[in-house]
């Protein structure tokens, strides 16, 4: 394939992807074989082909044509941005902080953290 260099993590990522993909395909093929009445564990080539085709349709979505993306972008970009009243404040109105998707969704339990340090005798 002509690859001269790679990060070491890439090999593990590819192995993980291949393992999960192949195990999913084989489990789907086993379910298809069982559906048509074959004994458990008896998977035929047709079952695997059907499982691969199904996975390809559901997992790997083809890229939309460039013309379609351009037409959709033109439709969105043709709409004017809403006007704002300078007396109401600066810029566009945004929702309250608790409704924003960019807010952190975790909290540090300071009491437990300090208690753990106190038990170990560290600061």
PDB file of N, CA and C in Angstrom:
ATOM      1  N   UNK A   1       0.813  -1.194   0.000  1.00  0.00           N
ATOM      2  CA  UNK A   1       0.000   0.000   0.000  1.00  0.00           C
ATOM      3  C   UNK A   1       0.855   1.255   0.000  1.00  0.00           C
ATOM      4  N   UNK A   2       2.161   1.121   0.163  1.00  0.00           N
ATOM      5  CA  UNK A   2       3.042   2.258   0.056  1.00  0.00           C
ATOM      6  C   UNK A   2       3.183   3.075   1.322  1.00  0.00           C
ATOM      7  N   UNK A   3       2.749   2.584   2.467  1.00  0.00           N
ATOM      8  CA  UNK A   3       2.859   3.333   3.713  1.00  0.00           C
ATOM      9  C   UNK A   3       4.275   3.190   4.234  1.00  0.00           C
ATOM     10  N   UNK A   4       4.943   4.310   4.413  1.00  0.00           N
ATOM     11  CA  UNK A   4       6.326   4.300   4.885  1.00  0.00           C
ATOM     12  C   UNK A   4       6.407   4.528   6.395  1.00  0.00           C
ATOM     13  N   UNK A   5       5.529   5.385   6.932  1.00  0.00           N
ATOM     14  CA  UNK A   5       5.546   5.693   8.357  1.00  0.00           C
ATOM     15  C   UNK A   5       4.117   5.723   8.864  1.00  0.00           C
ATOM     16  N   UNK A   6       3.968   5.450  10.150  1.00  0.00           N
ATOM     17  CA  UNK A   6       2.657   5.554  10.794  1.00  0.00           C
ATOM     18  C   UNK A   6       2.877   5.691  12.290  1.00  0.00           C
ATOM     19  N   UNK A   7       1.870   6.202  12.957  1.00  0.00           N
ATOM     20  CA  UNK A   7       1.922   6.259  14.408  1.00  0.00           C
ATOM     21  C   UNK A   7       1.640   4.869  14.946  1.00  0.00           C
ATOM     22  N   UNK A   8       2.271   4.473  16.027  1.00  0.00           N
ATOM     23  CA  UNK A   8       2.055   3.128  16.563  1.00  0.00           C
ATOM     24  C   UNK A   8       0.599   2.858  16.938  1.00  0.00           C
ATOM     25  N   UNK A   9      -0.135   3.890  17.332  1.00  0.00           N
ATOM     26  CA  UNK A   9      -1.536   3.687  17.727  1.00  0.00           C
ATOM     27  C   UNK A   9      -2.423   3.306  16.556  1.00  0.00           C
ATOM     28  N   UNK A  10      -1.991   3.632  15.332  1.00  0.00           N
ATOM     29  CA  UNK A  10      -2.817   3.362  14.161  1.00  0.00           C
ATOM     30  C   UNK A  10      -3.047   1.865  13.996  1.00  0.00           C
ATOM     31  N   UNK A  11      -2.019   1.060  14.242  1.00  0.00           N
ATOM     32  CA  UNK A  11      -2.152  -0.390  14.100  1.00  0.00           C
ATOM     33  C   UNK A  11      -3.202  -0.915  15.067  1.00  0.00           C
ATOM     34  N   UNK A  12      -3.157  -0.473  16.317  1.00  0.00           N
ATOM     35  CA  UNK A  12      -4.156  -0.917  17.298  1.00  0.00           C
ATOM     36  C   UNK A  12      -5.552  -0.452  16.925  1.00  0.00           C
ATOM     37  N   UNK A  13      -5.659   0.760  16.410  1.00  0.00           N
ATOM     38  CA  UNK A  13      -6.974   1.265  16.004  1.00  0.00           C
ATOM     39  C   UNK A  13      -7.536   0.444  14.853  1.00  0.00           C
ATOM     40  N   UNK A  14      -6.696   0.115  13.887  1.00  0.00           N
ATOM     41  CA  UNK A  14      -7.151  -0.693  12.759  1.00  0.00           C
ATOM     42  C   UNK A  14      -7.527  -2.098  13.202  1.00  0.00           C
ATOM     43  N   UNK A  15      -6.727  -2.688  14.084  1.00  0.00           N
ATOM     44  CA  UNK A  15      -7.066  -4.014  14.596  1.00  0.00           C
ATOM     45  C   UNK A  15      -8.390  -4.001  15.345  1.00  0.00           C
ATOM     46  N   UNK A  16      -8.615  -2.968  16.136  1.00  0.00           N
ATOM     47  CA  UNK A  16      -9.869  -2.845  16.868  1.00  0.00           C
ATOM     48  C   UNK A  16     -11.047  -2.708  15.914  1.00  0.00           C
ATOM     49  N   UNK A  17     -10.880  -1.880  14.867  1.00  0.00           N
ATOM     50  CA  UNK A  17     -11.945  -1.709  13.885  1.00  0.00           C
ATOM     51  C   UNK A  17     -12.233  -3.022  13.155  1.00  0.00           C
ATOM     52  N   UNK A  18     -11.183  -3.697  12.708  1.00  0.00           N
ATOM     53  CA  UNK A  18     -11.364  -4.950  11.963  1.00  0.00           C
ATOM     54  C   UNK A  18     -12.024  -5.995  12.844  1.00  0.00           C
ATOM     55  N   UNK A  19     -11.596  -6.113  14.106  1.00  0.00           N
ATOM     56  CA  UNK A  19     -12.187  -7.099  15.004  1.00  0.00           C
ATOM     57  C   UNK A  19     -13.670  -6.827  15.211  1.00  0.00           C
ATOM     58  N   UNK A  20     -14.011  -5.572  15.503  1.00  0.00           N
ATOM     59  CA  UNK A  20     -15.426  -5.268  15.757  1.00  0.00           C
ATOM     60  C   UNK A  20     -16.259  -5.444  14.487  1.00  0.00           C
ATOM     61  N   UNK A  21     -15.708  -5.069  13.335  1.00  0.00           N
ATOM     62  CA  UNK A  21     -16.452  -5.205  12.085  1.00  0.00           C
ATOM     63  C   UNK A  21     -16.661  -6.679  11.743  1.00  0.00           C
ATOM     64  N   UNK A  22     -15.605  -7.479  11.810  1.00  0.00           N
ATOM     65  CA  UNK A  22     -15.709  -8.902  11.437  1.00  0.00           C
ATOM     66  C   UNK A  22     -16.598  -9.651  12.419  1.00  0.00           C
ATOM     67  N   UNK A  23     -16.452  -9.387  13.711  1.00  0.00           N
ATOM     68  CA  UNK A  23     -17.301 -10.084  14.677  1.00  0.00           C
ATOM     69  C   UNK A  23     -18.765  -9.695  14.497  1.00  0.00           C
ATOM     70  N   UNK A  24     -19.024  -8.431  14.173  1.00  0.00           N
ATOM     71  CA  UNK A  24     -20.407  -8.025  13.905  1.00  0.00           C
ATOM     72  C   UNK A  24     -20.971  -8.672  12.664  1.00  0.00           C
ATOM     73  N   UNK A  25     -20.167  -8.741  11.603  1.00  0.00           N
ATOM     74  CA  UNK A  25     -20.625  -9.380  10.363  1.00  0.00           C
ATOM     75  C   UNK A  25     -20.900 -10.849  10.601  1.00  0.00           C
ATOM     76  N   UNK A  26     -20.016 -11.533  11.312  1.00  0.00           N
ATOM     77  CA  UNK A  26     -20.214 -12.961  11.549  1.00  0.00           C
ATOM     78  C   UNK A  26     -21.411 -13.229  12.457  1.00  0.00           C
ATOM     79  N   UNK A  27     -21.645 -12.376  13.428  1.00  0.00           N
ATOM     80  CA  UNK A  27     -22.831 -12.580  14.265  1.00  0.00           C
ATOM     81  C   UNK A  27     -24.108 -12.313  13.473  1.00  0.00           C
ATOM     82  N   UNK A  28     -24.088 -11.311  12.590  1.00  0.00           N
ATOM     83  CA  UNK A  28     -25.242 -11.083  11.716  1.00  0.00           C
ATOM     84  C   UNK A  28     -25.458 -12.262  10.780  1.00  0.00           C
ATOM     85  N   UNK A  29     -24.364 -12.796  10.221  1.00  0.00           N
ATOM     86  CA  UNK A  29     -24.472 -13.945   9.312  1.00  0.00           C
ATOM     87  C   UNK A  29     -25.030 -15.156  10.044  1.00  0.00           C
ATOM     88  N   UNK A  30     -24.623 -15.356  11.290  1.00  0.00           N
ATOM     89  CA  UNK A  30     -25.160 -16.470  12.072  1.00  0.00           C
ATOM     90  C   UNK A  30     -26.653 -16.283  12.325  1.00  0.00           C
ATOM     91  N   UNK A  31     -27.071 -15.045  12.565  1.00  0.00           N
ATOM     92  CA  UNK A  31     -28.505 -14.781  12.767  1.00  0.00           C
ATOM     93  C   UNK A  31     -29.287 -15.036  11.487  1.00  0.00           C
ATOM     94  N   UNK A  32     -28.718 -14.647  10.336  1.00  0.00           N
ATOM     95  CA  UNK A  32     -29.393 -14.908   9.061  1.00  0.00           C
ATOM     96  C   UNK A  32     -29.482 -16.399   8.797  1.00  0.00           C
ATOM     97  N   UNK A  33     -28.424 -17.151   9.095  1.00  0.00           N
ATOM     98  CA  UNK A  33     -28.433 -18.604   8.892  1.00  0.00           C
ATOM     99  C   UNK A  33     -29.478 -19.261   9.792  1.00  0.00           C
ATOM    100  N   UNK A  34     -29.564 -18.786  11.025  1.00  0.00           N
ATOM    101  CA  UNK A  34     -30.565 -19.342  11.942  1.00  0.00           C
ATOM    102  C   UNK A  34     -31.979 -19.017  11.472  1.00  0.00           C
ATOM    103  N   UNK A  35     -32.155 -17.845  10.879  1.00  0.00           N
ATOM    104  CA  UNK A  35     -33.475 -17.433  10.387  1.00  0.00           C
ATOM    105  C   UNK A  35     -33.976 -18.337   9.274  1.00  0.00           C
ATOM    106  N   UNK A  36     -33.072 -18.825   8.435  1.00  0.00           N
ATOM    107  CA  UNK A  36     -33.500 -19.698   7.335  1.00  0.00           C
ATOM    108  C   UNK A  36     -33.528 -21.162   7.739  1.00  0.00           C
ATOM    109  N   UNK A  37     -33.247 -21.476   9.003  1.00  0.00           N
ATOM    110  CA  UNK A  37     -33.418 -22.829   9.498  1.00  0.00           C
ATOM    111  C   UNK A  37     -32.166 -23.687   9.523  1.00  0.00           C
ATOM    112  N   UNK A  38     -31.007 -23.116   9.343  1.00  0.00           N
ATOM    113  CA  UNK A  38     -29.781 -23.903   9.438  1.00  0.00           C
ATOM    114  C   UNK A  38     -29.440 -24.145  10.899  1.00  0.00           C
ATOM    115  N   UNK A  39     -28.740 -25.238  11.169  1.00  0.00           N
ATOM    116  CA  UNK A  39     -28.331 -25.492  12.557  1.00  0.00           C
ATOM    117  C   UNK A  39     -27.393 -24.395  13.070  1.00  0.00           C
ATOM    118  N   UNK A  40     -27.351 -24.236  14.381  1.00  0.00           N
ATOM    119  CA  UNK A  40     -26.505 -23.198  14.984  1.00  0.00           C
ATOM    120  C   UNK A  40     -25.047 -23.436  14.615  1.00  0.00           C
ATOM    121  N   UNK A  41     -24.358 -22.366  14.223  1.00  0.00           N
ATOM    122  CA  UNK A  41     -22.952 -22.450  13.870  1.00  0.00           C
ATOM    123  C   UNK A  41     -22.685 -22.837  12.431  1.00  0.00           C
ATOM    124  N   UNK A  42     -23.718 -23.097  11.672  1.00  0.00           N
ATOM    125  CA  UNK A  42     -23.529 -23.476  10.269  1.00  0.00           C
ATOM    126  C   UNK A  42     -23.862 -22.268   9.387  1.00  0.00           C
ATOM    127  N   UNK A  43     -22.838 -21.496   9.083  1.00  0.00           N
ATOM    128  CA  UNK A  43     -22.984 -20.274   8.304  1.00  0.00           C
ATOM    129  C   UNK A  43     -22.441 -20.531   6.911  1.00  0.00           C
ATOM    130  N   UNK A  44     -23.199 -20.129   5.908  1.00  0.00           N
ATOM    131  CA  UNK A  44     -22.754 -20.305   4.535  1.00  0.00           C
ATOM    132  C   UNK A  44     -22.322 -18.975   3.937  1.00  0.00           C
ATOM    133  N   UNK A  45     -21.702 -19.052   2.783  1.00  0.00           N
ATOM    134  CA  UNK A  45     -21.169 -17.871   2.108  1.00  0.00           C
ATOM    135  C   UNK A  45     -22.258 -16.823   1.848  1.00  0.00           C
ATOM    136  N   UNK A  46     -23.440 -17.273   1.464  1.00  0.00           N
ATOM    137  CA  UNK A  46     -24.532 -16.346   1.175  1.00  0.00           C
ATOM    138  C   UNK A  46     -24.918 -15.530   2.406  1.00  0.00           C
ATOM    139  N   UNK A  47     -24.850 -16.167   3.578  1.00  0.00           N
ATOM    140  CA  UNK A  47     -25.177 -15.454   4.817  1.00  0.00           C
ATOM    141  C   UNK A  47     -24.165 -14.340   5.088  1.00  0.00           C
ATOM    142  N   UNK A  48     -22.892 -14.633   4.857  1.00  0.00           N
ATOM    143  CA  UNK A  48     -21.841 -13.636   5.080  1.00  0.00           C
ATOM    144  C   UNK A  48     -21.969 -12.500   4.071  1.00  0.00           C
ATOM    145  N   UNK A  49     -22.256 -12.840   2.808  1.00  0.00           N
ATOM    146  CA  UNK A  49     -22.412 -11.798   1.780  1.00  0.00           C
ATOM    147  C   UNK A  49     -23.571 -10.874   2.139  1.00  0.00           C
ATOM    148  N   UNK A  50     -24.681 -11.450   2.576  1.00  0.00           N
ATOM    149  CA  UNK A  50     -25.831 -10.637   2.966  1.00  0.00           C
ATOM    150  C   UNK A  50     -25.493  -9.754   4.167  1.00  0.00           C
ATOM    151  N   UNK A  51     -24.766 -10.298   5.130  1.00  0.00           N
ATOM    152  CA  UNK A  51     -24.385  -9.516   6.306  1.00  0.00           C
ATOM    153  C   UNK A  51     -23.453  -8.363   5.921  1.00  0.00           C
ATOM    154  N   UNK A  52     -22.510  -8.611   5.016  1.00  0.00           N
ATOM    155  CA  UNK A  52     -21.592  -7.554   4.580  1.00  0.00           C
ATOM    156  C   UNK A  52     -22.356  -6.477   3.830  1.00  0.00           C
ATOM    157  N   UNK A  53     -23.269  -6.874   2.945  1.00  0.00           N
ATOM    158  CA  UNK A  53     -24.053  -5.885   2.197  1.00  0.00           C
ATOM    159  C   UNK A  53     -24.904  -5.041   3.137  1.00  0.00           C
ATOM    160  N   UNK A  54     -25.506  -5.670   4.125  1.00  0.00           N
ATOM    161  CA  UNK A  54     -26.337  -4.939   5.085  1.00  0.00           C
ATOM    162  C   UNK A  54     -25.491  -3.961   5.896  1.00  0.00           C
ATOM    163  N   UNK A  55     -24.331  -4.418   6.368  1.00  0.00           N
ATOM    164  CA  UNK A  55     -23.444  -3.534   7.120  1.00  0.00           C
ATOM    165  C   UNK A  55     -22.970  -2.365   6.261  1.00  0.00           C
ATOM    166  N   UNK A  56     -22.659  -2.634   5.009  1.00  0.00           N
ATOM    167  CA  UNK A  56     -22.168  -1.573   4.122  1.00  0.00           C
ATOM    168  C   UNK A  56     -23.237  -0.512   3.913  1.00  0.00           C
ATOM    169  N   UNK A  57     -24.486  -0.936   3.789  1.00  0.00           N
ATOM    170  CA  UNK A  57     -25.571   0.035   3.593  1.00  0.00           C
ATOM    171  C   UNK A  57     -25.844   0.842   4.850  1.00  0.00           C
ATOM    172  N   UNK A  58     -25.677   0.225   6.017  1.00  0.00           N
ATOM    173  CA  UNK A  58     -26.011   0.907   7.261  1.00  0.00           C
ATOM    174  C   UNK A  58     -24.834   1.666   7.861  1.00  0.00           C
ATOM    175  N   UNK A  59     -23.620   1.172   7.685  1.00  0.00           N
ATOM    176  CA  UNK A  59     -22.465   1.756   8.363  1.00  0.00           C
ATOM    177  C   UNK A  59     -21.707   2.760   7.517  1.00  0.00           C
ATOM    178  N   UNK A  60     -21.520   2.462   6.263  1.00  0.00           N
ATOM    179  CA  UNK A  60     -20.682   3.286   5.416  1.00  0.00           C
ATOM    180  C   UNK A  60     -21.563   4.065   4.453  1.00  0.00           C
ATOM    181  N   UNK A  61     -21.876   5.278   4.834  1.00  0.00           N
ATOM    182  CA  UNK A  61     -22.748   6.118   4.021  1.00  0.00           C
ATOM    183  C   UNK A  61     -21.900   6.797   2.950  1.00  0.00           C
ATOM    184  N   UNK A  62     -22.293   6.672   1.699  1.00  0.00           N
ATOM    185  CA  UNK A  62     -21.499   7.320   0.651  1.00  0.00           C
ATOM    186  C   UNK A  62     -21.597   8.838   0.746  1.00  0.00           C
ATOM    187  N   UNK A  63     -20.553   9.498   0.291  1.00  0.00           N
ATOM    188  CA  UNK A  63     -20.517  10.960   0.319  1.00  0.00           C
ATOM    189  C   UNK A  63     -21.527  11.507  -0.693  1.00  0.00           C
ATOM    190  N   UNK A  64     -22.314  12.509  -0.293  1.00  0.00           N
ATOM    191  CA  UNK A  64     -23.286  13.067  -1.239  1.00  0.00           C
ATOM    192  C   UNK A  64     -22.573  13.786  -2.383  1.00  0.00           C
ATOM    193  N   UNK A  65     -23.226  13.883  -3.527  1.00  0.00           N
ATOM    194  CA  UNK A  65     -22.615  14.590  -4.661  1.00  0.00           C
ATOM    195  C   UNK A  65     -22.355  16.059  -4.314  1.00  0.00           C
ATOM    196  N   UNK A  66     -21.300  16.610  -4.886  1.00  0.00           N
ATOM    197  CA  UNK A  66     -20.904  17.997  -4.608  1.00  0.00           C
ATOM    198  C   UNK A  66     -22.019  18.960  -5.010  1.00  0.00           C
ATOM    199  N   UNK A  67     -22.708  18.666  -6.115  1.00  0.00           N
ATOM    200  CA  UNK A  67     -23.791  19.552  -6.572  1.00  0.00           C
ATOM    201  C   UNK A  67     -24.902  19.640  -5.530  1.00  0.00           C
ATOM    202  N   UNK A  68     -25.230  18.515  -4.895  1.00  0.00           N
ATOM    203  CA  UNK A  68     -26.270  18.515  -3.875  1.00  0.00           C
ATOM    204  C   UNK A  68     -25.840  19.358  -2.676  1.00  0.00           C
ATOM    205  N   UNK A  69     -24.603  19.205  -2.241  1.00  0.00           N
ATOM    206  CA  UNK A  69     -24.113  19.966  -1.096  1.00  0.00           C
ATOM    207  C   UNK A  69     -24.097  21.454  -1.420  1.00  0.00           C
ATOM    208  N   UNK A  70     -23.683  21.804  -2.628  1.00  0.00           N
ATOM    209  CA  UNK A  70     -23.669  23.220  -3.022  1.00  0.00           C
ATOM    210  C   UNK A  70     -25.076  23.803  -3.048  1.00  0.00           C
ATOM    211  N   UNK A  71     -26.032  23.052  -3.589  1.00  0.00           N
ATOM    212  CA  UNK A  71     -27.401  23.576  -3.650  1.00  0.00           C
ATOM    213  C   UNK A  71     -27.975  23.754  -2.247  1.00  0.00           C
ATOM    214  N   UNK A  72     -27.693  22.808  -1.341  1.00  0.00           N
ATOM    215  CA  UNK A  72     -28.168  22.954   0.036  1.00  0.00           C
ATOM    216  C   UNK A  72     -27.494  24.136   0.725  1.00  0.00           C
ATOM    217  N   UNK A  73     -26.192  24.317   0.488  1.00  0.00           N
ATOM    218  CA  UNK A  73     -25.483  25.457   1.079  1.00  0.00           C
ATOM    219  C   UNK A  73     -26.037  26.763   0.541  1.00  0.00           C
ATOM    220  N   UNK A  74     -26.358  26.826  -0.759  1.00  0.00           N
ATOM    221  CA  UNK A  74     -26.928  28.039  -1.330  1.00  0.00           C
ATOM    222  C   UNK A  74     -28.279  28.357  -0.704  1.00  0.00           C
ATOM    223  N   UNK A  75     -29.096  27.323  -0.474  1.00  0.00           N
ATOM    224  CA  UNK A  75     -30.399  27.539   0.148  1.00  0.00           C
ATOM    225  C   UNK A  75     -30.246  28.123   1.547  1.00  0.00           C
ATOM    226  N   UNK A  76     -29.330  27.561   2.315  1.00  0.00           N
ATOM    227  CA  UNK A  76     -29.133  28.037   3.689  1.00  0.00           C
ATOM    228  C   UNK A  76     -28.529  29.440   3.686  1.00  0.00           C
ATOM    229  N   UNK A  77     -27.562  29.672   2.815  1.00  0.00           N
ATOM    230  CA  UNK A  77     -26.866  30.953   2.809  1.00  0.00           C
ATOM    231  C   UNK A  77     -27.678  32.080   2.191  1.00  0.00           C
ATOM    232  N   UNK A  78     -28.748  31.773   1.485  1.00  0.00           N
ATOM    233  CA  UNK A  78     -29.596  32.816   0.910  1.00  0.00           C
ATOM    234  C   UNK A  78     -30.496  33.471   1.957  1.00  0.00           C
ATOM    235  N   UNK A  79     -30.681  32.826   3.092  1.00  0.00           N
ATOM    236  CA  UNK A  79     -31.503  33.418   4.151  1.00  0.00           C
ATOM    237  C   UNK A  79     -30.698  34.478   4.882  1.00  0.00           C
ATOM    238  N   UNK A  80     -31.327  35.599   5.128  1.00  0.00           N
ATOM    239  CA  UNK A  80     -30.660  36.677   5.844  1.00  0.00           C
ATOM    240  C   UNK A  80     -30.584  36.330   7.326  1.00  0.00           C
ATOM    241  N   UNK A  81     -29.533  36.814   7.942  1.00  0.00           N
ATOM    242  CA  UNK A  81     -29.429  36.662   9.387  1.00  0.00           C
ATOM    243  C   UNK A  81     -30.450  37.571  10.044  1.00  0.00           C
ATOM    244  N   UNK A  82     -30.974  37.177  11.193  1.00  0.00           N
ATOM    245  CA  UNK A  82     -31.980  38.012  11.853  1.00  0.00           C
ATOM    246  C   UNK A  82     -31.371  39.335  12.323  1.00  0.00           C
ATOM    247  N   UNK A  83     -32.173  40.380  12.205  1.00  0.00           N
ATOM    248  CA  UNK A  83     -31.745  41.694  12.688  1.00  0.00           C
ATOM    249  C   UNK A  83     -31.840  41.708  14.208  1.00  0.00           C
ATOM    250  N   UNK A  84     -31.035  42.516  14.820  1.00  0.00           N
ATOM    251  CA  UNK A  84     -31.131  42.642  16.273  1.00  0.00           C
ATOM    252  C   UNK A  84     -31.281  44.101  16.642  1.00  0.00           C
ATOM    253  N   UNK A  85     -31.933  44.295  17.755  1.00  0.00           N
ATOM    254  CA  UNK A  85     -32.180  45.635  18.259  1.00  0.00           C
ATOM    255  C   UNK A  85     -30.992  46.066  19.114  1.00  0.00           C
ATOM    256  N   UNK A  86     -30.274  47.129  18.713  1.00  0.00           N
ATOM    257  CA  UNK A  86     -29.097  47.545  19.489  1.00  0.00           C
ATOM    258  C   UNK A  86     -29.442  47.914  20.931  1.00  0.00           C
ATOM    259  N   UNK A  87     -30.693  48.303  21.177  1.00  0.00           N
ATOM    260  CA  UNK A  87     -31.078  48.660  22.545  1.00  0.00           C
ATOM    261  C   UNK A  87     -31.179  47.428  23.435  1.00  0.00           C
ATOM    262  N   UNK A  88     -31.365  46.232  22.828  1.00  0.00           N
ATOM    263  CA  UNK A  88     -31.534  45.014  23.610  1.00  0.00           C
ATOM    264  C   UNK A  88     -30.201  44.443  24.069  1.00  0.00           C
ATOM    265  N   UNK A  89     -29.106  44.938  23.570  1.00  0.00           N
ATOM    266  CA  UNK A  89     -27.797  44.407  23.952  1.00  0.00           C
ATOM    267  C   UNK A  89     -26.949  44.205  22.712  1.00  0.00           C
ATOM    268  N   UNK A  90     -25.808  43.626  22.890  1.00  0.00           N
ATOM    269  CA  UNK A  90     -24.884  43.439  21.794  1.00  0.00           C
ATOM    270  C   UNK A  90     -25.095  42.074  21.143  1.00  0.00           C
ATOM    271  N   UNK A  91     -25.137  42.038  19.824  1.00  0.00           N
ATOM    272  CA  UNK A  91     -25.176  40.786  19.079  1.00  0.00           C
ATOM    273  C   UNK A  91     -26.494  40.055  19.145  1.00  0.00           C
ATOM    274  N   UNK A  92     -26.440  38.810  18.709  1.00  0.00           N
ATOM    275  CA  UNK A  92     -27.621  37.967  18.699  1.00  0.00           C
ATOM    276  C   UNK A  92     -27.902  37.421  20.090  1.00  0.00           C
ATOM    277  N   UNK A  93     -29.155  37.192  20.366  1.00  0.00           N
ATOM    278  CA  UNK A  93     -29.527  36.620  21.654  1.00  0.00           C
ATOM    279  C   UNK A  93     -29.236  35.124  21.630  1.00  0.00           C
ATOM    280  N   UNK A  94     -28.649  34.619  22.679  1.00  0.00           N
ATOM    281  CA  UNK A  94     -28.352  33.196  22.801  1.00  0.00           C
ATOM    282  C   UNK A  94     -29.115  32.637  23.991  1.00  0.00           C
ATOM    283  N   UNK A  95     -29.344  31.336  24.006  1.00  0.00           N
ATOM    284  CA  UNK A  95     -30.077  30.746  25.129  1.00  0.00           C
ATOM    285  C   UNK A  95     -29.260  30.805  26.417  1.00  0.00           C
ATOM    286  N   UNK A  96     -29.915  30.565  27.546  1.00  0.00           N
ATOM    287  CA  UNK A  96     -29.189  30.564  28.821  1.00  0.00           C
ATOM    288  C   UNK A  96     -28.087  29.493  28.827  1.00  0.00           C
ATOM    289  N   UNK A  97     -27.119  29.664  29.705  1.00  0.00           N
ATOM    290  CA  UNK A  97     -25.965  28.766  29.758  1.00  0.00           C
ATOM    291  C   UNK A  97     -26.344  27.303  29.930  1.00  0.00           C
ATOM    292  N   UNK A  98     -27.371  27.029  30.709  1.00  0.00           N
ATOM    293  CA  UNK A  98     -27.712  25.617  30.962  1.00  0.00           C
ATOM    294  C   UNK A  98     -28.257  24.907  29.724  1.00  0.00           C
ATOM    295  N   UNK A  99     -28.610  25.659  28.682  1.00  0.00           N
ATOM    296  CA  UNK A  99     -29.126  25.061  27.454  1.00  0.00           C
ATOM    297  C   UNK A  99     -28.097  25.025  26.326  1.00  0.00           C
ATOM    298  N   UNK A 100     -26.892  25.494  26.578  1.00  0.00           N
ATOM    299  CA  UNK A 100     -25.864  25.500  25.545  1.00  0.00           C
ATOM    300  C   UNK A 100     -25.148  24.156  25.501  1.00  0.00           C
ATOM    301  N   UNK A 101     -24.843  23.679  24.312  1.00  0.00           N
ATOM    302  CA  UNK A 101     -24.172  22.399  24.155  1.00  0.00           C
ATOM    303  C   UNK A 101     -22.687  22.466  24.491  1.00  0.00           C
ATOM    304  N   UNK A 102     -22.123  23.650  24.555  1.00  0.00           N
ATOM    305  CA  UNK A 102     -20.692  23.783  24.797  1.00  0.00           C
ATOM    306  C   UNK A 102     -20.356  23.871  26.285  1.00  0.00           C
ATOM    307  N   UNK A 103     -21.328  23.749  27.142  1.00  0.00           N
ATOM    308  CA  UNK A 103     -21.073  23.814  28.574  1.00  0.00           C
ATOM    309  C   UNK A 103     -20.489  22.489  29.065  1.00  0.00           C
ATOM    310  N   UNK A 104     -19.619  22.521  30.084  1.00  0.00           N
ATOM    311  CA  UNK A 104     -19.099  21.262  30.620  1.00  0.00           C
ATOM    312  C   UNK A 104     -20.228  20.443  31.229  1.00  0.00           C
ATOM    313  N   UNK A 105     -20.157  19.131  31.032  1.00  0.00           N
ATOM    314  CA  UNK A 105     -21.209  18.262  31.555  1.00  0.00           C
ATOM    315  C   UNK A 105     -20.676  17.368  32.666  1.00  0.00           C
ATOM    316  N   UNK A 106     -19.733  17.874  33.430  1.00  0.00           N
ATOM    317  CA  UNK A 106     -19.166  17.143  34.544  1.00  0.00           C
ATOM    318  C   UNK A 106     -18.879  18.111  35.676  1.00  0.00           C
ATOM    319  N   UNK A 107     -18.749  17.572  36.870  1.00  0.00           N
ATOM    320  CA  UNK A 107     -18.430  18.370  38.046  1.00  0.00           C
ATOM    321  C   UNK A 107     -17.337  17.652  38.833  1.00  0.00           C
ATOM    322  N   UNK A 108     -16.478  18.403  39.458  1.00  0.00           N
ATOM    323  CA  UNK A 108     -15.441  17.844  40.306  1.00  0.00           C
ATOM    324  C   UNK A 108     -15.986  17.788  41.724  1.00  0.00           C
ATOM    325  N   UNK A 109     -15.892  16.623  42.332  1.00  0.00           N
ATOM    326  CA  UNK A 109     -16.335  16.470  43.709  1.00  0.00           C
ATOM    327  C   UNK A 109     -15.178  16.877  44.613  1.00  0.00           C
ATOM    328  N   UNK A 110     -15.151  18.160  44.971  1.00  0.00           N
ATOM    329  CA  UNK A 110     -14.036  18.719  45.725  1.00  0.00           C
ATOM    330  C   UNK A 110     -13.948  18.078  47.096  1.00  0.00           C
ATOM    331  N   UNK A 111     -15.081  17.828  47.747  1.00  0.00           N
ATOM    332  CA  UNK A 111     -15.068  17.258  49.096  1.00  0.00           C
ATOM    333  C   UNK A 111     -14.432  15.870  49.081  1.00  0.00           C
ATOM    334  N   UNK A 112     -14.780  15.028  48.130  1.00  0.00           N
ATOM    335  CA  UNK A 112     -14.198  13.690  48.044  1.00  0.00           C
ATOM    336  C   UNK A 112     -12.722  13.766  47.696  1.00  0.00           C
ATOM    337  N   UNK A 113     -12.352  14.725  46.853  1.00  0.00           N
ATOM    338  CA  UNK A 113     -10.953  14.900  46.472  1.00  0.00           C
ATOM    339  C   UNK A 113     -10.117  15.304  47.689  1.00  0.00           C
ATOM    340  N   UNK A 114     -10.622  16.258  48.467  1.00  0.00           N
ATOM    341  CA  UNK A 114      -9.899  16.709  49.655  1.00  0.00           C
ATOM    342  C   UNK A 114      -9.859  15.619  50.716  1.00  0.00           C
ATOM    343  N   UNK A 115     -10.944  14.849  50.831  1.00  0.00           N
ATOM    344  CA  UNK A 115     -10.984  13.761  51.806  1.00  0.00           C
ATOM    345  C   UNK A 115      -9.970  12.678  51.461  1.00  0.00           C
ATOM    346  N   UNK A 116      -9.824  12.374  50.168  1.00  0.00           N
ATOM    347  CA  UNK A 116      -8.839  11.392  49.736  1.00  0.00           C
ATOM    348  C   UNK A 116      -7.428  11.834  50.035  1.00  0.00           C
ATOM    349  N   UNK A 117      -7.151  13.116  49.837  1.00  0.00           N
ATOM    350  CA  UNK A 117      -5.819  13.642  50.155  1.00  0.00           C
ATOM    351  C   UNK A 117      -5.581  13.638  51.663  1.00  0.00           C
ATOM    352  N   UNK A 118      -6.614  13.922  52.429  1.00  0.00           N
ATOM    353  CA  UNK A 118      -6.468  13.946  53.891  1.00  0.00           C
ATOM    354  C   UNK A 118      -6.169  12.551  54.418  1.00  0.00           C
ATOM    355  N   UNK A 119      -6.798  11.530  53.832  1.00  0.00           N
ATOM    356  CA  UNK A 119      -6.563  10.155  54.281  1.00  0.00           C
ATOM    357  C   UNK A 119      -5.148   9.702  53.940  1.00  0.00           C
ATOM    358  N   UNK A 120      -4.626  10.164  52.785  1.00  0.00           N
ATOM    359  CA  UNK A 120      -3.264   9.788  52.389  1.00  0.00           C
ATOM    360  C   UNK A 120      -2.217  10.677  53.038  1.00  0.00           C
ATOM    361  N   UNK A 121      -2.646  11.781  53.608  1.00  0.00           N
ATOM    362  CA  UNK A 121      -1.701  12.693  54.251  1.00  0.00           C
ATOM    363  C   UNK A 121      -0.996  13.595  53.265  1.00  0.00           C
ATOM    364  N   UNK A 122      -1.596  13.838  52.084  1.00  0.00           N
ATOM    365  CA  UNK A 122      -1.000  14.730  51.102  1.00  0.00           C
ATOM    366  C   UNK A 122      -1.883  15.940  50.942  1.00  0.00           C
ATOM    367  N   UNK A 123      -1.341  16.958  50.277  1.00  0.00           N
ATOM    368  CA  UNK A 123      -2.112  18.181  50.044  1.00  0.00           C
ATOM    369  C   UNK A 123      -2.360  18.351  48.597  1.00  0.00           C
TER     370      UNK A 123
END
